Amino acid sequence: MNRISEFDQRLVLERPLTIDDGTGGRTEMWEEVVTVWARLANVSGRELPFADALRSELTHEATLRYRGPLVPAM
């Protein structure tokens, strides 16, 4: 069980938004849905060789309180 004091990072959840420009094209943007408090934890990290240099890769796990319907695109 997570204590409320562990939720010490603010996250902005956004969803993709596509706007037609009226000339057959479109612009893709992100629209803010909600700002929440979350707990972030490092899951893994590594360095990989890439084009004569090192590329870092870091993954996180975010835990937040139930906030209604969330979708993976956010």
N, C-alpha and C. Protein backbone atom coordinates (compact mmCIF):
# COMPACT_ATOMS: atom_id res chain seq x y z
N MET A 1 0.85 -1.18 0.00
CA MET A 1 0.00 0.00 0.00
C MET A 1 0.89 1.24 0.00
N ASN A 2 0.54 2.20 -0.80
CA ASN A 2 1.31 3.43 -0.91
C ASN A 2 0.77 4.49 0.04
N ARG A 3 1.70 5.16 0.71
CA ARG A 3 1.31 6.26 1.58
C ARG A 3 1.20 7.52 0.74
N ILE A 4 0.35 8.43 1.15
CA ILE A 4 0.13 9.66 0.39
C ILE A 4 1.42 10.47 0.28
N SER A 5 2.31 10.37 1.26
CA SER A 5 3.56 11.13 1.23
C SER A 5 4.51 10.63 0.14
N GLU A 6 4.28 9.43 -0.41
CA GLU A 6 5.12 8.91 -1.49
C GLU A 6 4.76 9.52 -2.84
N PHE A 7 3.60 10.14 -2.94
CA PHE A 7 3.15 10.76 -4.18
C PHE A 7 3.70 12.19 -4.21
N ASP A 8 4.96 12.32 -4.63
CA ASP A 8 5.64 13.61 -4.53
C ASP A 8 6.06 14.20 -5.88
N GLN A 9 5.58 13.63 -6.97
CA GLN A 9 5.89 14.15 -8.31
C GLN A 9 4.60 14.56 -9.01
N ARG A 10 4.63 15.71 -9.67
CA ARG A 10 3.45 16.15 -10.41
C ARG A 10 3.57 15.71 -11.86
N LEU A 11 2.53 15.07 -12.35
CA LEU A 11 2.47 14.63 -13.74
C LEU A 11 1.32 15.33 -14.45
N VAL A 12 1.55 15.70 -15.68
CA VAL A 12 0.50 16.26 -16.52
C VAL A 12 0.10 15.18 -17.51
N LEU A 13 -1.13 14.72 -17.42
CA LEU A 13 -1.64 13.72 -18.36
C LEU A 13 -2.24 14.46 -19.55
N GLU A 14 -1.82 14.07 -20.74
CA GLU A 14 -2.27 14.71 -21.96
C GLU A 14 -2.84 13.68 -22.92
N ARG A 15 -3.63 14.14 -23.86
CA ARG A 15 -4.13 13.25 -24.91
C ARG A 15 -3.82 13.88 -26.26
N PRO A 16 -3.62 13.03 -27.28
CA PRO A 16 -3.33 13.58 -28.61
C PRO A 16 -4.55 14.27 -29.20
N LEU A 17 -4.31 15.35 -29.91
CA LEU A 17 -5.38 16.13 -30.51
C LEU A 17 -4.97 16.44 -31.94
N THR A 18 -5.83 16.13 -32.89
CA THR A 18 -5.56 16.40 -34.31
C THR A 18 -6.51 17.49 -34.77
N ILE A 19 -5.93 18.55 -35.35
CA ILE A 19 -6.72 19.69 -35.82
C ILE A 19 -6.56 19.80 -37.33
N ASP A 20 -7.68 19.83 -38.07
CA ASP A 20 -7.63 20.04 -39.51
C ASP A 20 -7.32 21.50 -39.78
N ASP A 21 -6.43 21.76 -40.74
CA ASP A 21 -6.05 23.14 -41.04
C ASP A 21 -6.89 23.77 -42.14
N GLY A 22 -7.87 23.04 -42.66
CA GLY A 22 -8.77 23.60 -43.67
C GLY A 22 -8.26 23.48 -45.09
N THR A 23 -7.04 23.03 -45.28
CA THR A 23 -6.49 22.89 -46.63
C THR A 23 -6.13 21.44 -46.93
N GLY A 24 -6.67 20.51 -46.20
CA GLY A 24 -6.40 19.10 -46.41
C GLY A 24 -5.33 18.54 -45.51
N GLY A 25 -4.66 19.40 -44.79
CA GLY A 25 -3.62 18.94 -43.87
C GLY A 25 -4.14 18.91 -42.44
N ARG A 26 -3.27 18.53 -41.56
CA ARG A 26 -3.68 18.52 -40.15
C ARG A 26 -2.46 18.75 -39.27
N THR A 27 -2.73 19.23 -38.09
CA THR A 27 -1.70 19.48 -37.10
C THR A 27 -1.98 18.58 -35.91
N GLU A 28 -0.94 17.90 -35.45
CA GLU A 28 -1.10 17.05 -34.27
C GLU A 28 -0.49 17.75 -33.07
N MET A 29 -1.26 17.84 -32.00
CA MET A 29 -0.85 18.53 -30.79
C MET A 29 -1.20 17.64 -29.59
N TRP A 30 -0.82 18.09 -28.41
CA TRP A 30 -1.19 17.41 -27.17
C TRP A 30 -2.04 18.37 -26.35
N GLU A 31 -3.14 17.86 -25.82
CA GLU A 31 -4.06 18.64 -25.00
C GLU A 31 -3.98 18.16 -23.56
N GLU A 32 -3.78 19.09 -22.63
CA GLU A 32 -3.70 18.73 -21.21
C GLU A 32 -5.07 18.28 -20.72
N VAL A 33 -5.08 17.13 -20.03
CA VAL A 33 -6.33 16.59 -19.48
C VAL A 33 -6.41 16.90 -18.00
N VAL A 34 -5.36 16.55 -17.25
CA VAL A 34 -5.38 16.75 -15.81
C VAL A 34 -3.95 16.72 -15.28
N THR A 35 -3.72 17.40 -14.17
CA THR A 35 -2.44 17.33 -13.47
C THR A 35 -2.67 16.55 -12.18
N VAL A 36 -1.82 15.55 -11.93
CA VAL A 36 -2.00 14.67 -10.77
C VAL A 36 -0.68 14.52 -10.01
N TRP A 37 -0.78 14.08 -8.77
CA TRP A 37 0.38 13.71 -7.98
C TRP A 37 0.65 12.24 -8.19
N ALA A 38 1.92 11.87 -8.30
CA ALA A 38 2.27 10.48 -8.58
C ALA A 38 3.55 10.09 -7.85
N ARG A 39 3.78 8.79 -7.79
CA ARG A 39 5.05 8.25 -7.29
C ARG A 39 5.77 7.66 -8.47
N LEU A 40 7.01 8.11 -8.71
CA LEU A 40 7.82 7.59 -9.80
C LEU A 40 8.92 6.71 -9.23
N ALA A 41 9.12 5.56 -9.85
CA ALA A 41 10.19 4.64 -9.43
C ALA A 41 10.96 4.21 -10.68
N ASN A 42 12.29 4.18 -10.56
CA ASN A 42 13.11 3.67 -11.64
C ASN A 42 12.92 2.17 -11.75
N VAL A 43 12.70 1.69 -12.96
CA VAL A 43 12.53 0.26 -13.18
C VAL A 43 13.83 -0.34 -13.69
N SER A 44 14.41 0.29 -14.68
CA SER A 44 15.67 -0.21 -15.22
C SER A 44 16.41 0.91 -15.93
N GLY A 45 17.68 0.70 -16.13
CA GLY A 45 18.49 1.65 -16.86
C GLY A 45 19.69 0.94 -17.46
N ARG A 46 20.09 1.39 -18.64
CA ARG A 46 21.26 0.78 -19.27
C ARG A 46 21.83 1.75 -20.29
N GLU A 47 23.07 1.47 -20.70
CA GLU A 47 23.73 2.25 -21.74
C GLU A 47 24.06 1.31 -22.89
N LEU A 48 23.76 1.75 -24.10
CA LEU A 48 23.97 0.95 -25.29
C LEU A 48 24.87 1.69 -26.27
N PRO A 49 25.75 0.98 -26.99
CA PRO A 49 26.55 1.65 -28.01
C PRO A 49 25.65 2.06 -29.18
N PHE A 50 25.87 3.28 -29.66
CA PHE A 50 25.05 3.81 -30.75
C PHE A 50 25.84 4.86 -31.51
N ALA A 51 26.21 4.57 -32.73
CA ALA A 51 26.90 5.52 -33.62
C ALA A 51 28.14 6.12 -32.96
N ASP A 52 29.04 5.27 -32.52
CA ASP A 52 30.29 5.68 -31.88
C ASP A 52 30.09 6.48 -30.60
N ALA A 53 28.98 6.28 -29.93
CA ALA A 53 28.71 6.95 -28.65
C ALA A 53 27.86 6.01 -27.80
N LEU A 54 27.50 6.46 -26.62
CA LEU A 54 26.61 5.68 -25.77
C LEU A 54 25.22 6.30 -25.76
N ARG A 55 24.22 5.45 -25.82
CA ARG A 55 22.84 5.90 -25.72
C ARG A 55 22.29 5.38 -24.41
N SER A 56 21.72 6.25 -23.61
CA SER A 56 21.14 5.85 -22.32
C SER A 56 19.68 5.52 -22.50
N GLU A 57 19.22 4.52 -21.78
CA GLU A 57 17.83 4.11 -21.81
C GLU A 57 17.38 3.91 -20.38
N LEU A 58 16.34 4.61 -19.97
CA LEU A 58 15.85 4.56 -18.60
C LEU A 58 14.34 4.42 -18.63
N THR A 59 13.80 3.48 -17.86
CA THR A 59 12.36 3.31 -17.78
C THR A 59 11.88 3.58 -16.35
N HIS A 60 10.67 4.06 -16.24
CA HIS A 60 10.07 4.38 -14.95
C HIS A 60 8.72 3.72 -14.82
N GLU A 61 8.28 3.60 -13.60
CA GLU A 61 6.93 3.15 -13.30
C GLU A 61 6.24 4.26 -12.53
N ALA A 62 5.08 4.68 -13.00
CA ALA A 62 4.32 5.74 -12.34
C ALA A 62 3.12 5.13 -11.64
N THR A 63 2.93 5.50 -10.38
CA THR A 63 1.78 5.05 -9.60
C THR A 63 0.98 6.28 -9.21
N LEU A 64 -0.31 6.27 -9.51
CA LEU A 64 -1.16 7.39 -9.11
C LEU A 64 -2.49 6.85 -8.61
N ARG A 65 -3.19 7.68 -7.88
CA ARG A 65 -4.49 7.28 -7.36
C ARG A 65 -5.50 7.18 -8.49
N TYR A 66 -6.56 6.40 -8.28
CA TYR A 66 -7.59 6.23 -9.29
C TYR A 66 -8.13 7.59 -9.71
N ARG A 67 -8.22 7.79 -11.00
CA ARG A 67 -8.58 9.11 -11.52
C ARG A 67 -9.65 9.02 -12.61
N GLY A 68 -10.50 8.03 -12.58
CA GLY A 68 -11.50 7.88 -13.62
C GLY A 68 -10.91 7.24 -14.85
N PRO A 69 -11.58 7.38 -15.96
CA PRO A 69 -11.13 6.67 -17.17
C PRO A 69 -9.84 7.25 -17.75
N LEU A 70 -8.81 6.44 -17.74
CA LEU A 70 -7.55 6.79 -18.39
C LEU A 70 -7.35 5.83 -19.54
N VAL A 71 -6.71 6.29 -20.60
CA VAL A 71 -6.44 5.43 -21.75
C VAL A 71 -4.94 5.41 -21.99
N PRO A 72 -4.41 4.35 -22.60
CA PRO A 72 -2.97 4.25 -22.82
C PRO A 72 -2.39 5.38 -23.66
N ALA A 73 -3.19 6.04 -24.48
CA ALA A 73 -2.68 7.13 -25.32
C ALA A 73 -2.30 8.36 -24.51
N MET A 74 -2.73 8.44 -23.28
CA MET A 74 -2.43 9.62 -22.45
C MET A 74 -0.99 9.58 -21.97
